[in-house]
Each structure stands twice: as structure tokens, then as C-alpha cells.
Protein backbone atom coordinates (compact mmCIF):
# COMPACT_ATOMS: atom_id res chain seq x y z
CA UNK A 1 -0.19 -0.06 -0.09
CA UNK A 2 1.33 3.35 -0.71
CA UNK A 3 1.71 6.39 1.44
CA UNK A 4 -1.10 8.12 -0.32
CA UNK A 5 -3.33 5.09 0.06
CA UNK A 6 -2.61 4.56 3.91
CA UNK A 7 -3.36 8.37 4.56
CA UNK A 8 -6.58 8.39 2.68
CA UNK A 9 -7.79 5.13 4.28
CA UNK A 10 -7.49 6.74 7.82
CA UNK A 11 -9.53 9.55 9.51
CA UNK A 12 -8.62 12.93 9.03
CA UNK A 13 -7.49 15.45 11.81
CA UNK A 14 -10.83 17.72 11.31
CA UNK A 15 -9.38 20.63 13.03
CA UNK A 16 -6.51 20.51 10.55
CA UNK A 17 -8.65 19.90 7.48
CA UNK A 18 -8.80 23.79 6.42
CA UNK A 19 -7.02 26.08 3.73
CA UNK A 20 -4.42 27.23 6.03
CA UNK A 21 -2.97 23.84 6.67
CA UNK A 22 -3.58 22.60 3.18
CA UNK A 23 -1.49 25.67 1.81
CA UNK A 24 1.20 25.09 4.44
CA UNK A 25 1.59 21.63 3.43
CA UNK A 26 1.80 22.62 -0.05
CA UNK A 27 4.73 25.11 0.73
CA UNK A 28 6.47 22.35 2.63
CA UNK A 29 6.31 20.00 -0.15
CA UNK A 30 7.43 22.64 -2.72
CA UNK A 31 10.45 23.24 -0.57
CA UNK A 32 11.21 19.59 -0.17
CA UNK A 33 10.68 19.17 -3.78
CA UNK A 34 13.20 22.01 -4.51
CA UNK A 35 15.74 20.29 -2.31
CA UNK A 36 15.31 16.77 -4.03
CA UNK A 37 15.40 18.04 -7.52
CA UNK A 38 18.36 20.44 -6.97
CA UNK A 39 20.18 17.57 -4.99
CA UNK A 40 19.92 15.22 -8.16
CA UNK A 41 20.91 18.08 -10.49
CA UNK A 42 24.04 18.74 -8.34
CA UNK A 43 25.09 15.05 -8.13
CA UNK A 44 23.81 13.64 -11.47
CA UNK A 45 22.50 10.15 -11.81
CA UNK A 46 25.53 8.37 -10.70
CA UNK A 47 26.28 10.66 -7.68
CA UNK A 48 22.62 9.83 -6.60
CA UNK A 49 22.40 6.36 -7.07
CA UNK A 50 25.09 4.86 -5.11
CA UNK A 51 28.02 6.00 -7.37
CA UNK A 52 30.34 6.52 -4.11
CA UNK A 53 29.40 2.87 -2.76
CA UNK A 54 30.80 1.37 -6.13
CA UNK A 55 34.05 3.71 -6.08
CA UNK A 56 32.30 6.26 -8.82
CA UNK A 57 33.11 9.42 -7.08
CA UNK A 58 32.55 12.93 -8.00
CA UNK A 59 35.79 14.98 -8.38
CA UNK A 60 35.22 16.32 -5.12
CA UNK A 61 32.44 16.32 -2.33
CA UNK A 62 29.55 18.50 -3.66
CA UNK A 63 29.24 21.63 -1.37
CA UNK A 64 27.06 23.99 -3.79
CA UNK A 65 23.34 24.42 -3.32
CA UNK A 66 21.46 22.73 -1.81
CA UNK A 67 24.50 21.20 0.07
CA UNK A 68 25.35 24.61 1.21
CA UNK A 69 22.18 25.18 2.81
CA UNK A 70 21.48 21.63 4.41
CA UNK A 71 23.48 18.51 5.08
CA UNK A 72 21.67 15.61 3.13
CA UNK A 73 19.09 17.68 1.19
CA UNK A 74 17.57 14.79 -0.77
CA UNK A 75 16.72 12.91 2.62
CA UNK A 76 15.27 16.02 4.13
CA UNK A 77 13.80 17.23 1.18
CA UNK A 78 11.98 13.86 0.82
CA UNK A 79 11.02 14.05 4.25
CA UNK A 80 9.35 17.49 3.78
CA UNK A 81 7.47 16.21 0.88
CA UNK A 82 5.83 13.25 3.06
CA UNK A 83 5.11 16.04 5.93
CA UNK A 84 3.52 18.54 3.25
CA UNK A 85 1.58 15.77 1.91
CA UNK A 86 0.42 14.68 5.37
CA UNK A 87 -0.54 18.18 6.22
CA UNK A 88 -2.53 18.86 2.77
CA UNK A 89 -4.50 15.60 3.73
CA UNK A 90 -4.87 16.47 7.48
CA UNK A 91 -3.73 12.88 8.05
CA UNK A 92 -2.51 11.62 11.50
CA UNK A 93 -1.41 8.52 9.79
CA UNK A 94 0.78 10.38 7.17
CA UNK A 95 2.21 12.22 10.13
CA UNK A 96 3.10 8.97 11.94
CA UNK A 97 4.73 7.63 8.59
CA UNK A 98 6.51 10.98 8.01
CA UNK A 99 7.95 10.28 11.42
CA UNK A 100 8.92 6.89 10.40
CA UNK A 101 10.80 8.19 7.42
CA UNK A 102 12.62 10.71 9.47
CA UNK A 103 13.87 8.22 11.89
CA UNK A 104 14.87 5.93 9.13
CA UNK A 105 16.95 8.86 7.29
CA UNK A 106 18.41 9.78 10.74
CA UNK A 107 19.82 6.50 11.27
CA UNK A 108 21.00 6.27 7.62
CA UNK A 109 22.87 9.53 7.91
CA UNK A 110 24.51 8.24 10.91
CA UNK A 111 26.14 5.64 8.78
CA UNK A 112 26.27 7.29 5.62
CA UNK A 113 27.94 10.65 6.71
CA UNK A 114 31.13 9.37 8.22
CA UNK A 115 31.40 6.77 5.21
CA UNK A 116 30.91 9.73 2.74
CA UNK A 117 33.43 11.86 4.44
CA UNK A 118 35.95 9.05 4.71
CA UNK A 119 35.98 8.18 1.01
CA UNK A 120 36.18 11.95 0.05
CA UNK A 121 39.17 12.27 2.51
CA UNK A 122 40.90 9.24 1.21
CA UNK A 123 40.25 10.48 -2.40
CA UNK A 124 41.59 14.03 -1.73
CA UNK A 125 44.75 12.43 0.22
CA UNK A 126 45.45 10.37 -2.99
CA UNK A 127 45.39 13.07 -5.29
CA UNK A 128 47.72 15.17 -3.42
CA UNK A 129 50.25 12.32 -3.14
CA UNK A 130 50.40 11.97 -7.03
């Protein structure tokens, strides 16, 4: 079952089923989409889809927008999209699922962050020694 189906099959938060919450969710989703798309454009296909795990590295670690604004912008942009979608649908189930996504990404960052720093540190050290 998809995220949207899970939300729509559950009761709404009636107090949140209003224009203010809907448009707030829409704005949050738009910002999340900006972070996800700009991350993909900055990293490219290979950088986005596990290139570093297979030794296909960028020339250097990407630090331009959106990485200059936020660490892990693709993860947090995705989380913002889920949050915005949940608010747009006034869905407590969506909010719970968004929390699960955020926790999952937080755990991933705990492992991926040091890994990424280390592979680019090694690459930089290797380039300097040539």
C-alpha cells in the first residue's frame, strides 16, 4: 500500500482539514521538492544512485546548493514532501509515517555521513600524493 493510500484510508484530523493547513503543506512540499530536484541536479544520476558505494566518485564532495544550505538535502527534502503531503491531507497516519521516514533517514545519516566523509578524505589524500 502506498503512502497516499495509507493516509486516505485513515480518519482525518478535522481541525487541520482547512485551507491554512493545506497551503502550509503545499509550501512545505514545494520546498522539499526543490531540495530533492536540486540535489539530483548537483549529484547527477551516478552520484545520486550509489556511485560512491561502487567507487565512482565526484571530483570532490559537492558543497554547492543545496548542500551549502542543508546536509543531506535529498533525505530531508523527501521528508518535507511526506510532511507536506500529510498536512495537505490532514492525516495523522501520514504524520506517523513521516516520523518513521525521518527516523529511518536519521539512522541512515549516522552511517552514511562518516562513510562519505572518509571516502572523499581518502580521495583527496590520494590526489595530493600524486
